C-alpha atoms as a PDB file:
ATOM      1  CA  UNK A   1       8.244  15.394   0.149  1.00  0.00           C
ATOM      2  CA  UNK A   2       5.764  17.474  -1.824  1.00  0.00           C
ATOM      3  CA  UNK A   3       2.637  18.711  -0.075  1.00  0.00           C
ATOM      4  CA  UNK A   4       0.283  17.231  -2.676  1.00  0.00           C
ATOM      5  CA  UNK A   5       1.441  13.762  -1.685  1.00  0.00           C
ATOM      6  CA  UNK A   6      -0.529  13.951   1.544  1.00  0.00           C
ATOM      7  CA  UNK A   7      -3.937  13.740  -0.152  1.00  0.00           C
ATOM      8  CA  UNK A   8      -3.219  11.674  -3.260  1.00  0.00           C
ATOM      9  CA  UNK A   9      -2.878   8.015  -4.111  1.00  0.00           C
ATOM     10  CA  UNK A  10      -2.001   6.561  -7.473  1.00  0.00           C
ATOM     11  CA  UNK A  11      -3.526   3.342  -8.750  1.00  0.00           C
ATOM     12  CA  UNK A  12      -2.774   1.994 -12.221  1.00  0.00           C
ATOM     13  CA  UNK A  13      -1.320   5.357 -13.346  1.00  0.00           C
ATOM     14  CA  UNK A  14      -4.544   7.145 -12.294  1.00  0.00           C
ATOM     15  CA  UNK A  15      -4.038   9.734  -9.540  1.00  0.00           C
ATOM     16  CA  UNK A  16      -6.946  10.091  -7.114  1.00  0.00           C
ATOM     17  CA  UNK A  17      -7.301  13.087  -4.811  1.00  0.00           C
ATOM     18  CA  UNK A  18      -8.918  11.969  -1.568  1.00  0.00           C
ATOM     19  CA  UNK A  19     -10.256  13.393   1.643  1.00  0.00           C
ATOM     20  CA  UNK A  20      -8.674  11.950   4.796  1.00  0.00           C
ATOM     21  CA  UNK A  21     -11.733   9.817   5.663  1.00  0.00           C
ATOM     22  CA  UNK A  22     -11.946   8.143   2.269  1.00  0.00           C
ATOM     23  CA  UNK A  23      -8.799   6.061   2.460  1.00  0.00           C
ATOM     24  CA  UNK A  24      -7.672   3.550   5.015  1.00  0.00           C
ATOM     25  CA  UNK A  25      -4.689   1.260   4.901  1.00  0.00           C
ATOM     26  CA  UNK A  26      -3.278  -1.308   7.264  1.00  0.00           C
ATOM     27  CA  UNK A  27      -0.450  -3.764   7.286  1.00  0.00           C
ATOM     28  CA  UNK A  28      -1.236  -7.385   8.105  1.00  0.00           C
ATOM     29  CA  UNK A  29       1.568  -9.520   9.468  1.00  0.00           C
ATOM     30  CA  UNK A  30       1.392 -12.999   8.006  1.00  0.00           C
ATOM     31  CA  UNK A  31       3.432 -14.649  10.687  1.00  0.00           C
ATOM     32  CA  UNK A  32       6.742 -15.167  12.363  1.00  0.00           C
ATOM     33  CA  UNK A  33       8.348 -17.691  14.628  1.00  0.00           C
ATOM     34  CA  UNK A  34      11.386 -17.980  16.861  1.00  0.00           C
ATOM     35  CA  UNK A  35      14.170 -20.493  16.331  1.00  0.00           C
ATOM     36  CA  UNK A  36      17.650 -21.106  17.608  1.00  0.00           C
ATOM     37  CA  UNK A  37      20.597 -20.409  15.398  1.00  0.00           C
ATOM     38  CA  UNK A  38      24.161 -20.796  16.662  1.00  0.00           C
ATOM     39  CA  UNK A  39      23.032 -20.928  20.288  1.00  0.00           C
ATOM     40  CA  UNK A  40      20.899 -17.764  20.105  1.00  0.00           C
ATOM     41  CA  UNK A  41      17.187 -17.228  19.579  1.00  0.00           C
ATOM     42  CA  UNK A  42      16.325 -15.294  16.431  1.00  0.00           C
ATOM     43  CA  UNK A  43      13.033 -14.101  14.946  1.00  0.00           C
ATOM     44  CA  UNK A  44      12.167 -15.464  11.515  1.00  0.00           C
ATOM     45  CA  UNK A  45       9.639 -13.578   9.414  1.00  0.00           C
ATOM     46  CA  UNK A  46       7.478 -15.908   7.319  1.00  0.00           C
ATOM     47  CA  UNK A  47       6.153 -13.487   4.722  1.00  0.00           C
ATOM     48  CA  UNK A  48       6.604 -10.060   6.251  1.00  0.00           C
ATOM     49  CA  UNK A  49       3.789  -7.538   6.222  1.00  0.00           C
ATOM     50  CA  UNK A  50       1.296  -6.977   3.435  1.00  0.00           C
ATOM     51  CA  UNK A  51      -0.707  -3.836   2.697  1.00  0.00           C
ATOM     52  CA  UNK A  52      -4.515  -3.960   2.707  1.00  0.00           C
ATOM     53  CA  UNK A  53      -6.260  -0.894   1.250  1.00  0.00           C
ATOM     54  CA  UNK A  54      -9.814   0.406   1.215  1.00  0.00           C
ATOM     55  CA  UNK A  55     -10.705   3.516  -0.795  1.00  0.00           C
ATOM     56  CA  UNK A  56     -14.221   4.864  -0.314  1.00  0.00           C
ATOM     57  CA  UNK A  57     -16.224   7.453  -2.219  1.00  0.00           C
ATOM     58  CA  UNK A  58     -14.824   6.838  -5.689  1.00  0.00           C
ATOM     59  CA  UNK A  59     -16.930   8.098  -8.596  1.00  0.00           C
ATOM     60  CA  UNK A  60     -18.250   5.734 -11.240  1.00  0.00           C
ATOM     61  CA  UNK A  61     -16.050   7.219 -13.984  1.00  0.00           C
ATOM     62  CA  UNK A  62     -12.940   6.608 -11.879  1.00  0.00           C
ATOM     63  CA  UNK A  63     -14.016   3.042 -11.095  1.00  0.00           C
ATOM     64  CA  UNK A  64     -14.578   2.340 -14.799  1.00  0.00           C
ATOM     65  CA  UNK A  65     -11.097   3.661 -15.609  1.00  0.00           C
ATOM     66  CA  UNK A  66      -9.570   1.487 -12.866  1.00  0.00           C
ATOM     67  CA  UNK A  67     -11.539  -1.574 -14.024  1.00  0.00           C
ATOM     68  CA  UNK A  68     -10.306  -1.128 -17.595  1.00  0.00           C
ATOM     69  CA  UNK A  69      -6.696  -0.859 -16.516  1.00  0.00           C
ATOM     70  CA  UNK A  70      -6.950  -3.650 -13.922  1.00  0.00           C
ATOM     71  CA  UNK A  71      -8.604  -6.075 -16.341  1.00  0.00           C
ATOM     72  CA  UNK A  72      -5.527  -6.100 -18.567  1.00  0.00           C
ATOM     73  CA  UNK A  73      -3.138  -6.862 -15.722  1.00  0.00           C
ATOM     74  CA  UNK A  74      -4.564  -8.623 -12.693  1.00  0.00           C
ATOM     75  CA  UNK A  75      -1.801  -7.269 -10.447  1.00  0.00           C
ATOM     76  CA  UNK A  76      -1.637  -3.471 -10.619  1.00  0.00           C
ATOM     77  CA  UNK A  77       0.675  -0.732  -9.332  1.00  0.00           C
ATOM     78  CA  UNK A  78      -0.437   1.248  -6.296  1.00  0.00           C
ATOM     79  CA  UNK A  79       1.390   4.182  -4.730  1.00  0.00           C
ATOM     80  CA  UNK A  80       0.414   5.478  -1.327  1.00  0.00           C
ATOM     81  CA  UNK A  81       2.583   8.518  -0.740  1.00  0.00           C
ATOM     82  CA  UNK A  82       3.035   7.731   2.968  1.00  0.00           C
ATOM     83  CA  UNK A  83       6.672   6.733   3.587  1.00  0.00           C
ATOM     84  CA  UNK A  84       7.601   3.497   5.343  1.00  0.00           C
ATOM     85  CA  UNK A  85      10.744   2.649   7.311  1.00  0.00           C
ATOM     86  CA  UNK A  86      12.471  -0.730   7.127  1.00  0.00           C
ATOM     87  CA  UNK A  87      15.747  -1.958   8.518  1.00  0.00           C
ATOM     88  CA  UNK A  88      18.537  -3.956   6.849  1.00  0.00           C
ATOM     89  CA  UNK A  89      16.966  -3.905   3.347  1.00  0.00           C
ATOM     90  CA  UNK A  90      14.133  -2.494   1.261  1.00  0.00           C
ATOM     91  CA  UNK A  91      11.464  -5.086   0.549  1.00  0.00           C
ATOM     92  CA  UNK A  92       9.458  -3.159  -2.053  1.00  0.00           C
ATOM     93  CA  UNK A  93      10.154  -1.236  -5.245  1.00  0.00           C
ATOM     94  CA  UNK A  94      11.215   2.304  -4.393  1.00  0.00           C
ATOM     95  CA  UNK A  95       9.134   5.119  -5.876  1.00  0.00           C
ATOM     96  CA  UNK A  96      11.014   7.867  -4.020  1.00  0.00           C
ATOM     97  CA  UNK A  97      14.018   7.408  -1.744  1.00  0.00           C
ATOM     98  CA  UNK A  98      14.004   9.585   1.383  1.00  0.00           C
ATOM     99  CA  UNK A  99      17.405   8.470   2.657  1.00  0.00           C
ATOM    100  CA  UNK A 100      18.888   6.099   5.189  1.00  0.00           C
ATOM    101  CA  UNK A 101      20.299   6.411   8.685  1.00  0.00           C
ATOM    102  CA  UNK A 102      22.205   4.171  11.073  1.00  0.00           C
ATOM    103  CA  UNK A 103      20.392   3.711  14.382  1.00  0.00           C
ATOM    104  CA  UNK A 104      21.698   1.268  17.029  1.00  0.00           C
ATOM    105  CA  UNK A 105      24.131  -0.181  14.464  1.00  0.00           C
ATOM    106  CA  UNK A 106      21.262  -1.038  12.068  1.00  0.00           C
ATOM    107  CA  UNK A 107      20.692   0.765   8.772  1.00  0.00           C
ATOM    108  CA  UNK A 108      17.134   2.102   8.536  1.00  0.00           C
ATOM    109  CA  UNK A 109      15.744   3.050   5.119  1.00  0.00           C
ATOM    110  CA  UNK A 110      12.922   5.565   4.710  1.00  0.00           C
ATOM    111  CA  UNK A 111      11.214   5.543   1.317  1.00  0.00           C
ATOM    112  CA  UNK A 112       7.921   5.775  -0.556  1.00  0.00           C
ATOM    113  CA  UNK A 113       7.244   2.340  -2.034  1.00  0.00           C
ATOM    114  CA  UNK A 114       5.391   1.305  -5.142  1.00  0.00           C
ATOM    115  CA  UNK A 115       3.138  -1.571  -4.097  1.00  0.00           C
ATOM    116  CA  UNK A 116       1.860  -4.358  -6.337  1.00  0.00           C
ATOM    117  CA  UNK A 117      -1.745  -5.051  -5.361  1.00  0.00           C
ATOM    118  CA  UNK A 118      -4.586  -7.183  -6.595  1.00  0.00           C
ATOM    119  CA  UNK A 119      -7.984  -5.488  -6.589  1.00  0.00           C
ATOM    120  CA  UNK A 120     -10.227  -7.804  -4.581  1.00  0.00           C
ATOM    121  CA  UNK A 121     -13.505  -6.021  -5.137  1.00  0.00           C
ATOM    122  CA  UNK A 122     -15.638  -3.007  -5.887  1.00  0.00           C
ATOM    123  CA  UNK A 123     -18.532  -2.392  -3.493  1.00  0.00           C
ATOM    124  CA  UNK A 124     -21.417  -0.108  -4.504  1.00  0.00           C
ATOM    125  CA  UNK A 125     -22.822   2.320  -1.950  1.00  0.00           C
ATOM    126  CA  UNK A 126     -26.020   4.223  -2.698  1.00  0.00           C
ATOM    127  CA  UNK A 127     -26.816   6.954  -0.208  1.00  0.00           C
ATOM    128  CA  UNK A 128     -28.094  10.551  -0.359  1.00  0.00           C
ATOM    129  CA  UNK A 129     -29.110  10.057  -4.016  1.00  0.00           C
ATOM    130  CA  UNK A 130     -25.504   9.419  -4.994  1.00  0.00           C
ATOM    131  CA  UNK A 131     -23.824   6.212  -6.090  1.00  0.00           C
ATOM    132  CA  UNK A 132     -20.244   5.808  -4.907  1.00  0.00           C
ATOM    133  CA  UNK A 133     -17.898   2.857  -4.865  1.00  0.00           C
ATOM    134  CA  UNK A 134     -15.425   1.379  -2.444  1.00  0.00           C
ATOM    135  CA  UNK A 135     -12.310  -0.228  -3.854  1.00  0.00           C
ATOM    136  CA  UNK A 136     -10.641  -2.988  -1.846  1.00  0.00           C
ATOM    137  CA  UNK A 137      -7.223  -4.398  -2.565  1.00  0.00           C
ATOM    138  CA  UNK A 138      -4.384  -6.416  -1.067  1.00  0.00           C
ATOM    139  CA  UNK A 139      -0.660  -6.433  -1.740  1.00  0.00           C
ATOM    140  CA  UNK A 140       0.792  -9.531  -3.347  1.00  0.00           C
END
């Protein structure tokens, strides 16, 4: 994986270089339940996990470029260059494949996904005589 991946994200074909404190992401699990199948208890995932992003300290010119691109297509492409690992199958579109490995008789895939997110808001922040924006989005 290239070194420049560690400080960049890409949203709607616009690459943003960020400091570590500007970007936060988390995965929200939408639910699961247990049920019996063939005499055994199995876990059933309802919707899996969805990415929630928050990017702080974006300049006004970058926000305007993102707004223009996001207004044409409500759901936009987002690439966070942090790899994720999933077992049995890949659930997202692969931007870069980092290989697979068999661990405890399960195939584990490591890859950099291309997320499809909807931008849920732009929040203005005026401090120290500078206007910056925070972009919030959620994977669909």
